[in-house]
């Protein structure tokens, strides 16, 4: 899974029928390229989200059977990074 920030939305009037009703959001990993993810949790612009990719992106009920490569599966409240180097 990946952490990313939602930076916008994607609108497509012509798409695969399995995508009908799916909210598509533009996301970006820190320092990475933008990509599109299917929203399964009601995320919005500015949210930090957890992304499932590959076959795991098609496991949530909302995206099952649809042609998704990335799905937003959680809105992140907080990230605690305790992996800090200490002096010995």
Protein backbone atom coordinates (compact mmCIF):
# COMPACT_ATOMS: atom_id res chain seq x y z
CA UNK A 1 0.00 0.00 0.00
CA UNK A 2 1.01 3.60 -0.54
CA UNK A 3 0.44 6.91 1.21
CA UNK A 4 -0.63 9.73 -1.07
CA UNK A 5 -2.40 13.09 -1.05
CA UNK A 6 -5.54 13.75 -3.09
CA UNK A 7 -4.81 16.72 -5.35
CA UNK A 8 -7.92 16.83 -7.53
CA UNK A 9 -10.60 14.90 -9.35
CA UNK A 10 -10.89 13.28 -12.76
CA UNK A 11 -14.08 13.44 -14.84
CA UNK A 12 -14.68 11.17 -17.84
CA UNK A 13 -17.97 11.14 -19.72
CA UNK A 14 -16.96 8.21 -21.94
CA UNK A 15 -15.62 5.27 -19.92
CA UNK A 16 -15.91 1.54 -19.33
CA UNK A 17 -19.40 0.71 -18.03
CA UNK A 18 -17.88 -0.81 -14.87
CA UNK A 19 -16.56 2.67 -13.94
CA UNK A 20 -20.01 4.28 -13.97
CA UNK A 21 -20.69 5.81 -10.58
CA UNK A 22 -17.09 5.50 -9.41
CA UNK A 23 -15.45 8.71 -8.17
CA UNK A 24 -11.97 9.03 -9.67
CA UNK A 25 -9.44 11.17 -7.82
CA UNK A 26 -6.05 12.52 -8.80
CA UNK A 27 -3.42 11.52 -6.20
CA UNK A 28 0.28 12.06 -5.71
CA UNK A 29 2.80 10.24 -3.54
CA UNK A 30 5.28 12.54 -1.80
CA UNK A 31 7.76 13.54 -4.48
CA UNK A 32 6.15 11.21 -7.03
CA UNK A 33 4.08 11.46 -10.16
CA UNK A 34 0.33 11.98 -10.20
CA UNK A 35 -1.95 8.97 -10.72
CA UNK A 36 -5.68 8.26 -10.73
CA UNK A 37 -7.33 6.16 -8.03
CA UNK A 38 -10.91 4.99 -7.53
CA UNK A 39 -12.37 6.37 -4.29
CA UNK A 40 -14.03 3.79 -2.04
CA UNK A 41 -14.21 5.85 1.18
CA UNK A 42 -15.40 9.38 0.32
CA UNK A 43 -12.01 11.12 0.20
CA UNK A 44 -11.57 14.64 -1.10
CA UNK A 45 -8.96 17.17 -2.19
CA UNK A 46 -6.26 17.66 0.43
CA UNK A 47 -6.85 14.35 2.21
CA UNK A 48 -3.94 12.03 2.94
CA UNK A 49 -5.06 8.58 1.85
CA UNK A 50 -3.96 4.96 1.80
CA UNK A 51 -3.86 3.45 -1.69
CA UNK A 52 -4.13 -0.22 -2.62
CA UNK A 53 -2.68 -1.05 -6.03
CA UNK A 54 -2.73 -3.91 -8.50
CA UNK A 55 -5.10 -6.79 -7.82
CA UNK A 56 -5.65 -5.52 -4.25
CA UNK A 57 -7.29 -2.41 -5.75
CA UNK A 58 -10.12 -4.60 -7.07
CA UNK A 59 -10.88 -6.24 -3.71
CA UNK A 60 -13.10 -3.52 -2.13
CA UNK A 61 -16.76 -4.14 -2.93
CA UNK A 62 -17.05 -0.79 -4.72
CA UNK A 63 -14.29 -1.66 -7.21
CA UNK A 64 -14.82 -5.42 -7.59
CA UNK A 65 -14.66 -6.47 -11.22
CA UNK A 66 -13.87 -2.96 -12.48
CA UNK A 67 -10.70 -2.04 -14.37
CA UNK A 68 -8.85 -0.30 -11.53
CA UNK A 69 -5.13 -0.22 -10.90
CA UNK A 70 -5.37 1.91 -7.73
CA UNK A 71 -8.08 2.36 -5.10
CA UNK A 72 -8.31 4.66 -2.10
CA UNK A 73 -9.09 2.36 0.83
CA UNK A 74 -8.61 4.69 3.83
CA UNK A 75 -8.44 8.35 4.79
CA UNK A 76 -5.42 8.78 7.05
CA UNK A 77 -5.90 10.71 10.28
CA UNK A 78 -2.30 10.68 11.43
CA UNK A 79 1.09 9.17 10.60
CA UNK A 80 3.56 8.59 13.43
CA UNK A 81 7.11 8.01 12.26
CA UNK A 82 9.06 6.61 15.18
CA UNK A 83 11.89 5.25 13.02
CA UNK A 84 14.40 7.95 13.98
CA UNK A 85 18.13 7.49 14.22
CA UNK A 86 19.55 8.02 17.68
CA UNK A 87 23.10 8.75 18.80
CA UNK A 88 24.90 5.77 20.28
